[in-house]
Amino acid sequence: MKNFVAFFIFLVFSGLTISQNDTVLKYQIDELYKIIKDYEHRFDILEKMIDDQLFYSRLGDLAFVDKVFIYGDPPAKSKNPEKLGAFNPVKFWSYVFIPKNINLNKKYPLIVFPHGGVHANFSTYYVHILKELLVQGYIVVAPEYRGSTGYGKDFYEKIDYGGREIGDAEASRKYMVDNYPFVDAERVGIFGWSHGGLIALMCLFEYPENFKVGFAGVPVSDLIKRIEIHGKDYEKYFSAEYHIGQTVEENPEEYKKRSPAYNAHKLKTPLIIHTNTNDDDVYAEEVMSLIESLKRENKEFQYEIYQDLPGGHSFDRMDVKFSREIRFKTYKFMEKYLNPPVKFKSPKDLEKKVYYDF
């Protein structure tokens, strides 16, 4: 659909400019490109609105589903810093999922669940994992932190990868503790894959007193190594004017500050890490940079390096049997620290409850 609209606009503009000189034509092509990029954000908003409805239809029988509007730290940058309100707190949405069968007079553990992606959002891609968490009695909050897609160009360009978005995840935790009396502030874990894994790690590093345990699946771990692997096109996300605004060569310390591998000395919380040797997004060698840093700092943590499992980057997020079994091991690790009200003895018991206990 996006490509069709872009092609249609291009044809219209081509018809209008065919007789113009090259300078005018170039200007109009540049303007057309800006229009197309803006339309991409509008399509993202539409896709997000549709996907939100799927959350209610797919989880409504199991959970109370809500989407709350909260705020985090001020933006790291502003296009117009002199404008009134330029550095007001950034407002953003967070999803809230609460099991329907809870007792409001009791306390329940909370999972903070940040999504992955340089620019992405929390979507129904995660429904099966949400179900697995909800049937254990966990309450879940999923922040649509600054830079997430589906909320327009301005919010997209508030991205602060590895920076103030970490505070957005913490703000979501605080919102839940402050507003839901049945959330146990002493039993909060954080759970994420890929860039969500980076956020999980950095939350543990920056707010160790607020989290009892963390899981980081195929986590982005070392931005310098990551850019070496993926090349200059990937670096454009970070060196964009509205983001860091500098390359690794220009400011390596800024990239280190945003990389878990360079912050390993801060770990004080129980942690489990997963990686997969055939991951073609977050290479195992990048995750090993984090693992080796934690070892050098004599930190206690657990990790598993899976060998060439199907699914690559998504190996333990799929619906297939081995993926569910891997997630079950993660749940058992977190269970020791969060004590959810429902504990399953085997992956099969959990599968039955989630997939076919009608």
Protein backbone atom coordinates (compact mmCIF):
# COMPACT_ATOMS: atom_id res chain seq x y z
CA MET A 1 0.00 0.00 0.00
CA LYS A 2 2.80 2.42 0.90
CA ASN A 3 4.61 1.68 -2.35
CA PHE A 4 1.42 2.18 -4.36
CA VAL A 5 0.77 5.60 -2.82
CA ALA A 6 4.37 6.64 -3.34
CA PHE A 7 4.27 5.55 -6.98
CA PHE A 8 0.98 7.38 -7.55
CA ILE A 9 2.32 10.63 -6.07
CA PHE A 10 5.46 10.25 -8.13
CA LEU A 11 3.43 9.93 -11.33
CA VAL A 12 1.43 13.05 -10.48
CA PHE A 13 4.52 15.07 -9.75
CA SER A 14 6.24 13.76 -12.85
CA GLY A 15 3.38 15.05 -14.97
CA LEU A 16 3.60 18.45 -13.36
CA THR A 17 7.37 18.84 -13.71
CA ILE A 18 8.18 17.33 -17.07
CA SER A 19 8.62 20.74 -18.66
CA GLN A 20 10.47 22.36 -15.78
CA ASN A 21 14.22 22.92 -15.60
CA ASP A 22 16.48 20.57 -13.63
CA THR A 23 16.71 22.78 -10.53
CA VAL A 24 12.95 22.99 -10.09
CA LEU A 25 12.62 19.29 -10.81
CA LYS A 26 15.19 18.41 -8.16
CA TYR A 27 13.43 20.63 -5.63
CA GLN A 28 10.08 19.01 -6.34
CA ILE A 29 11.54 15.51 -6.12
CA ASP A 30 13.05 16.39 -2.73
CA GLU A 31 9.69 17.70 -1.56
CA LEU A 32 8.00 14.56 -2.86
CA TYR A 33 10.43 12.41 -0.87
CA LYS A 34 9.54 14.32 2.32
CA ILE A 35 5.84 13.79 1.64
CA ILE A 36 6.35 10.06 1.14
CA LYS A 37 8.35 9.78 4.38
CA ASP A 38 5.58 11.61 6.25
CA TYR A 39 3.00 9.25 4.79
CA GLU A 40 4.98 6.30 6.16
CA HIS A 41 4.39 7.65 9.66
CA ARG A 42 0.68 8.05 8.94
CA PHE A 43 0.46 4.44 7.79
CA ASP A 44 2.31 3.38 10.94
CA ILE A 45 -0.36 5.14 13.01
CA LEU A 46 -3.10 3.31 11.14
CA GLU A 47 -1.37 -0.06 11.56
CA LYS A 48 -0.94 0.60 15.28
CA MET A 49 -4.62 1.45 15.70
CA ILE A 50 -5.63 -1.80 13.99
CA ASP A 51 -3.20 -3.88 16.02
CA ASP A 52 -4.45 -2.32 19.26
CA GLN A 53 -7.91 -3.69 18.53
CA LEU A 54 -6.41 -7.16 18.11
CA PHE A 55 -5.04 -7.00 21.66
CA TYR A 56 -8.59 -6.71 23.00
CA SER A 57 -9.97 -9.47 20.80
CA ARG A 58 -7.10 -11.91 21.43
CA LEU A 59 -6.56 -11.28 25.15
CA GLY A 60 -9.91 -9.93 26.33
CA ASP A 61 -11.09 -13.26 27.75
CA LEU A 62 -7.93 -13.64 29.83
CA ALA A 63 -6.95 -10.13 30.86
CA PHE A 64 -8.05 -6.59 31.51
CA VAL A 65 -6.29 -4.71 28.69
CA ASP A 66 -5.63 -0.99 28.87
CA LYS A 67 -3.38 1.63 27.32
CA VAL A 68 -2.33 4.47 29.59
CA PHE A 69 -0.81 7.86 28.77
CA ILE A 70 2.08 8.74 31.07
CA TYR A 71 5.34 10.71 30.94
CA GLY A 72 9.08 10.27 31.25
CA ASP A 73 12.15 12.48 31.23
CA PRO A 74 12.39 15.56 28.99
CA PRO A 75 13.66 14.99 25.43
CA ALA A 76 17.40 14.69 24.95
CA LYS A 77 17.21 17.17 22.08
CA SER A 78 14.81 19.72 20.63
CA LYS A 79 14.57 21.19 17.11
CA ASN A 80 13.61 24.50 18.69
CA PRO A 81 15.17 24.62 22.17
CA GLU A 82 14.00 28.21 22.77
CA LYS A 83 10.34 27.29 22.27
CA LEU A 84 8.15 27.29 25.35
CA GLY A 85 7.80 23.71 26.59
CA ALA A 86 10.64 22.42 24.40
CA PHE A 87 12.00 20.41 27.32
CA ASN A 88 8.78 19.40 29.01
CA PRO A 89 8.57 15.72 30.01
CA VAL A 90 7.99 13.36 27.08
CA LYS A 91 4.48 11.86 27.09
CA PHE A 92 4.07 8.29 25.88
CA TRP A 93 1.72 5.30 26.02
CA SER A 94 2.12 2.06 27.93
CA TYR A 95 0.08 -1.12 27.62
CA VAL A 96 -1.29 -2.65 30.82
CA PHE A 97 -2.31 -6.32 31.03
CA ILE A 98 -3.92 -7.58 34.26
CA PRO A 99 -5.18 -11.15 34.71
CA LYS A 100 -8.95 -11.17 35.11
CA ASN A 101 -8.95 -13.70 37.93
CA ILE A 102 -6.84 -11.75 40.44
CA ASN A 103 -7.92 -11.00 44.00
CA LEU A 104 -7.80 -7.24 44.46
CA ASN A 105 -6.96 -7.68 48.13
CA LYS A 106 -3.70 -9.47 47.36
CA LYS A 107 -0.37 -8.42 45.84
CA TYR A 108 0.90 -9.65 42.47
CA PRO A 109 4.29 -9.55 40.72
CA LEU A 110 4.89 -7.18 37.82
CA ILE A 111 6.80 -7.72 34.59
CA VAL A 112 8.07 -4.69 32.66
CA PHE A 113 8.19 -5.80 29.02
CA PRO A 114 9.91 -3.34 26.61
CA HIS A 115 9.66 -4.16 22.89
CA GLY A 116 12.60 -4.56 20.53
CA GLY A 117 13.67 -2.70 17.40
CA VAL A 118 15.58 0.51 16.72
CA HIS A 119 12.20 1.93 15.71
CA ALA A 120 9.33 -0.48 16.42
CA ASN A 121 6.44 -0.96 18.84
CA PHE A 122 4.81 -3.42 21.19
CA SER A 123 2.46 -5.47 19.02
CA THR A 124 0.35 -8.62 18.99
CA TYR A 125 3.52 -10.42 17.91
CA TYR A 126 3.91 -10.97 21.66
CA VAL A 127 0.39 -12.28 22.42
CA HIS A 128 1.44 -15.88 23.04
CA ILE A 129 4.15 -14.74 25.45
CA LEU A 130 1.73 -12.42 27.22
CA LYS A 131 -0.63 -15.36 27.69
CA GLU A 132 2.14 -17.42 29.22
CA LEU A 133 2.90 -14.62 31.68
CA LEU A 134 -0.73 -13.86 32.50
CA VAL A 135 -1.67 -17.45 33.35
CA GLN A 136 1.19 -17.47 35.88
CA GLY A 137 -0.46 -14.50 37.56
CA TYR A 138 1.91 -11.79 36.40
CA ILE A 139 0.72 -8.27 35.71
CA VAL A 140 2.50 -6.84 32.66
CA VAL A 141 3.30 -3.29 31.57
CA ALA A 142 4.77 -2.67 28.11
CA PRO A 143 6.11 0.85 27.45
CA GLU A 144 5.88 2.44 24.02
CA TYR A 145 9.01 4.42 24.84
CA ARG A 146 10.23 7.45 22.86
CA GLY A 147 11.12 6.57 19.27
CA SER A 148 8.43 3.89 18.96
CA THR A 149 6.54 3.72 15.68
CA GLY A 150 2.83 4.30 15.28
CA TYR A 151 2.71 7.66 17.05
CA GLY A 152 3.82 10.09 14.34
CA LYS A 153 7.02 11.65 13.10
CA ASP A 154 7.65 13.91 16.09
CA PHE A 155 7.55 11.02 18.57
CA TYR A 156 9.64 8.86 16.22
CA GLU A 157 12.35 11.52 16.24
CA LYS A 158 12.43 11.68 20.03
CA ILE A 159 14.40 8.42 19.95
CA ASP A 160 17.19 8.19 22.50
CA TYR A 161 18.41 4.61 22.00
CA GLY A 162 20.15 3.40 25.13
CA GLY A 163 19.53 6.78 26.77
CA ARG A 164 16.37 8.37 28.12
CA GLU A 165 14.17 5.57 26.78
CA ILE A 166 15.55 3.58 29.72
CA GLY A 167 13.85 6.09 31.97
CA ASP A 168 10.58 5.52 30.09
CA ALA A 169 10.66 1.84 31.04
CA GLU A 170 11.33 2.81 34.65
CA ALA A 171 8.51 5.39 34.51
CA SER A 172 6.16 2.59 33.42
CA ARG A 173 7.20 0.51 36.41
CA LYS A 174 6.65 3.44 38.74
CA TYR A 175 3.25 4.18 37.23
CA MET A 176 2.08 0.64 37.94
CA VAL A 177 3.36 0.65 41.52
CA ASP A 178 1.85 4.07 42.22
CA ASN A 179 -1.56 3.44 40.66
CA TYR A 180 -2.44 -0.22 41.22
CA PRO A 181 -2.52 -1.21 44.91
CA PHE A 182 -2.41 -4.91 44.01
CA VAL A 183 1.01 -4.55 42.30
CA ASP A 184 3.81 -5.66 44.60
CA ALA A 185 6.65 -3.14 44.40
CA GLU A 186 8.97 -5.73 45.89
CA ARG A 187 8.35 -8.27 43.10
CA VAL A 188 9.15 -6.54 39.83
CA GLY A 189 11.06 -8.16 36.98
CA ILE A 190 12.04 -6.93 33.54
CA PHE A 191 11.89 -9.02 30.41
CA GLY A 192 12.94 -8.24 26.85
CA TRP A 193 14.50 -9.38 23.60
CA SER A 194 16.89 -7.66 21.19
CA HIS A 195 16.67 -3.90 21.83
CA GLY A 196 14.17 -4.76 24.56
CA GLY A 197 16.98 -6.86 26.02
CA LEU A 198 19.26 -3.82 26.02
CA ILE A 199 16.57 -1.83 27.84
CA ALA A 200 16.15 -4.64 30.37
CA LEU A 201 19.89 -4.69 31.04
CA MET A 202 20.22 -0.94 31.33
CA CYS A 203 17.25 -0.76 33.71
CA LEU A 204 18.97 -3.33 35.93
CA PHE A 205 22.17 -1.30 35.77
CA GLU A 206 20.56 2.10 36.40
CA TYR A 207 17.74 1.16 38.81
CA PRO A 208 18.95 -1.97 40.64
CA GLU A 209 16.83 -1.21 43.69
CA ASN A 210 13.63 -1.39 41.62
CA PHE A 211 14.00 -4.79 39.96
CA LYS A 212 14.34 -8.23 41.53
CA VAL A 213 15.37 -10.10 38.37
CA GLY A 214 15.89 -9.64 34.65
CA PHE A 215 15.93 -11.58 31.41
CA ALA A 216 17.74 -10.37 28.28
CA GLY A 217 17.16 -12.43 25.14
CA VAL A 218 19.55 -11.90 22.20
CA PRO A 219 20.24 -8.44 23.66
CA VAL A 220 21.85 -5.60 21.78
CA SER A 221 24.98 -5.41 23.90
CA ASP A 222 27.76 -3.43 22.25
CA LEU A 223 26.85 -0.62 19.84
CA ILE A 224 30.41 -0.16 18.63
CA LYS A 225 30.79 -3.82 17.73
CA ARG A 226 27.25 -3.83 16.31
CA ILE A 227 27.99 -0.97 13.93
CA GLU A 228 31.23 -2.68 12.86
CA ILE A 229 29.15 -5.76 11.97
CA HIS A 230 26.20 -4.06 10.27
CA GLY A 231 27.99 -1.15 8.64
CA LYS A 232 27.44 2.54 8.01
CA ASP A 233 23.79 2.22 6.97
CA TYR A 234 23.00 1.00 10.48
CA GLU A 235 25.00 3.82 12.01
CA LYS A 236 22.69 6.34 10.29
CA TYR A 237 20.03 5.54 12.89
CA PHE A 238 22.33 6.81 15.62
CA SER A 239 24.18 9.61 13.87
CA ALA A 240 20.94 11.25 12.67
CA GLU A 241 20.70 14.91 13.68
CA TYR A 242 17.67 14.26 15.90
CA HIS A 243 19.45 11.40 17.71
CA ILE A 244 23.11 11.23 18.85
CA GLY A 245 24.16 13.35 15.91
CA GLN A 246 27.68 11.93 15.82
CA THR A 247 29.32 8.77 14.49
CA VAL A 248 31.27 6.26 16.55
CA GLU A 249 34.52 7.78 15.29
CA GLU A 250 33.41 11.23 16.40
CA ASN A 251 32.18 10.24 19.85
CA PRO A 252 32.96 6.64 20.90
CA GLU A 253 32.30 7.41 24.57
CA GLU A 254 28.67 8.23 23.85
CA TYR A 255 28.19 4.84 22.19
CA LYS A 256 29.88 3.09 25.11
CA LYS A 257 27.60 4.87 27.56
CA ARG A 258 24.59 3.36 25.73
CA SER A 259 26.04 -0.17 25.52
CA PRO A 260 25.44 -2.81 28.24
CA ALA A 261 28.87 -4.35 27.63
CA TYR A 262 30.51 -1.15 28.90
CA ASN A 263 28.22 -0.94 31.94
CA ALA A 264 28.59 -4.49 33.23
CA HIS A 265 30.21 -3.26 36.46
CA LYS A 266 26.82 -1.93 37.58
CA LEU A 267 25.03 -5.30 37.74
CA LYS A 268 23.60 -6.13 41.17
CA THR A 269 20.49 -8.08 40.15
CA PRO A 270 19.92 -11.75 39.21
CA LEU A 271 20.08 -12.01 35.43
CA ILE A 272 19.76 -14.58 32.67
CA ILE A 273 20.96 -14.01 29.09
CA HIS A 274 20.24 -16.00 25.92
CA THR A 275 21.93 -15.90 22.53
CA ASN A 276 21.89 -18.08 19.39
CA THR A 277 24.92 -18.75 17.21
CA ASN A 278 23.02 -18.27 13.92
CA ASP A 279 21.38 -14.99 14.92
CA ASP A 280 21.89 -12.71 11.90
CA ASP A 281 20.68 -9.57 13.70
CA VAL A 282 22.32 -9.50 17.12
CA TYR A 283 25.33 -11.69 16.42
CA ALA A 284 26.42 -14.06 19.19
CA GLU A 285 29.83 -12.37 19.20
CA GLU A 286 28.14 -9.12 20.22
CA VAL A 287 26.36 -10.81 23.14
CA MET A 288 29.64 -12.50 24.08
CA SER A 289 31.13 -9.03 24.49
CA LEU A 290 28.60 -8.49 27.28
CA ILE A 291 29.10 -11.94 28.79
CA GLU A 292 32.87 -11.51 28.91
CA SER A 293 32.50 -8.06 30.46
CA LEU A 294 30.26 -9.48 33.21
CA LYS A 295 32.76 -12.25 33.85
CA ARG A 296 35.64 -9.78 34.11
CA GLU A 297 33.65 -7.90 36.71
CA ASN A 298 33.06 -11.17 38.64
CA LYS A 299 29.30 -10.74 38.38
CA GLU A 300 26.92 -13.57 39.17
CA PHE A 301 24.55 -14.29 36.29
CA GLN A 302 23.36 -17.11 34.10
CA TYR A 303 23.58 -17.45 30.33
CA GLU A 304 23.00 -19.94 27.57
CA ILE A 305 24.50 -19.96 24.08
CA TYR A 306 22.19 -21.95 21.85
CA GLN A 307 23.73 -23.61 18.81
CA ASP A 308 22.18 -22.81 15.41
CA LEU A 309 18.57 -23.18 16.50
CA PRO A 310 15.87 -22.53 13.86
CA GLY A 311 14.49 -19.02 13.98
CA GLY A 312 17.81 -17.23 14.34
CA HIS A 313 17.10 -13.94 16.11
CA SER A 314 13.57 -15.11 17.07
CA PHE A 315 14.52 -18.64 18.13
CA ASP A 316 12.93 -18.50 21.59
CA ARG A 317 10.03 -16.22 20.70
CA MET A 318 8.30 -18.58 18.28
CA ASP A 319 5.26 -20.74 19.07
CA VAL A 320 7.04 -24.02 18.37
CA LYS A 321 7.74 -26.63 21.03
CA PHE A 322 11.47 -26.02 21.61
CA SER A 323 10.88 -22.26 21.89
CA ARG A 324 8.22 -22.79 24.54
CA GLU A 325 10.53 -25.13 26.42
CA ILE A 326 13.30 -22.51 26.42
CA ARG A 327 10.91 -19.83 27.65
CA PHE A 328 9.73 -22.19 30.38
CA LYS A 329 13.28 -22.39 31.71
CA THR A 330 13.38 -18.60 31.77
CA TYR A 331 10.08 -18.48 33.65
CA LYS A 332 11.40 -20.95 36.24
CA PHE A 333 14.47 -18.75 36.75
CA MET A 334 12.31 -15.65 37.29
CA GLU A 335 9.86 -17.58 39.45
CA LYS A 336 12.53 -17.98 42.14
CA TYR A 337 12.65 -14.21 42.65
CA LEU A 338 9.10 -13.09 41.82
CA ASN A 339 7.04 -15.92 43.32
CA PRO A 340 4.04 -15.76 40.92
CA PRO A 341 0.78 -17.17 42.33
CA VAL A 342 0.55 -19.92 39.71
CA LYS A 343 3.53 -22.19 39.16
CA PHE A 344 3.68 -24.82 36.44
CA LYS A 345 5.68 -28.00 36.86
CA SER A 346 6.44 -28.59 33.19
CA PRO A 347 6.27 -26.91 29.78
CA LYS A 348 3.42 -29.26 28.91
CA ASP A 349 1.32 -28.02 31.84
CA LEU A 350 1.88 -24.42 30.78
CA GLU A 351 1.13 -25.22 27.13
CA LYS A 352 -2.14 -26.88 28.07
CA LYS A 353 -3.29 -23.83 30.02
CA VAL A 354 -2.33 -21.37 27.32
CA TYR A 355 -3.09 -23.21 24.10
CA TYR A 356 -5.90 -25.71 24.62
CA ASP A 357 -7.47 -25.56 28.07
CA PHE A 358 -10.88 -24.46 26.81
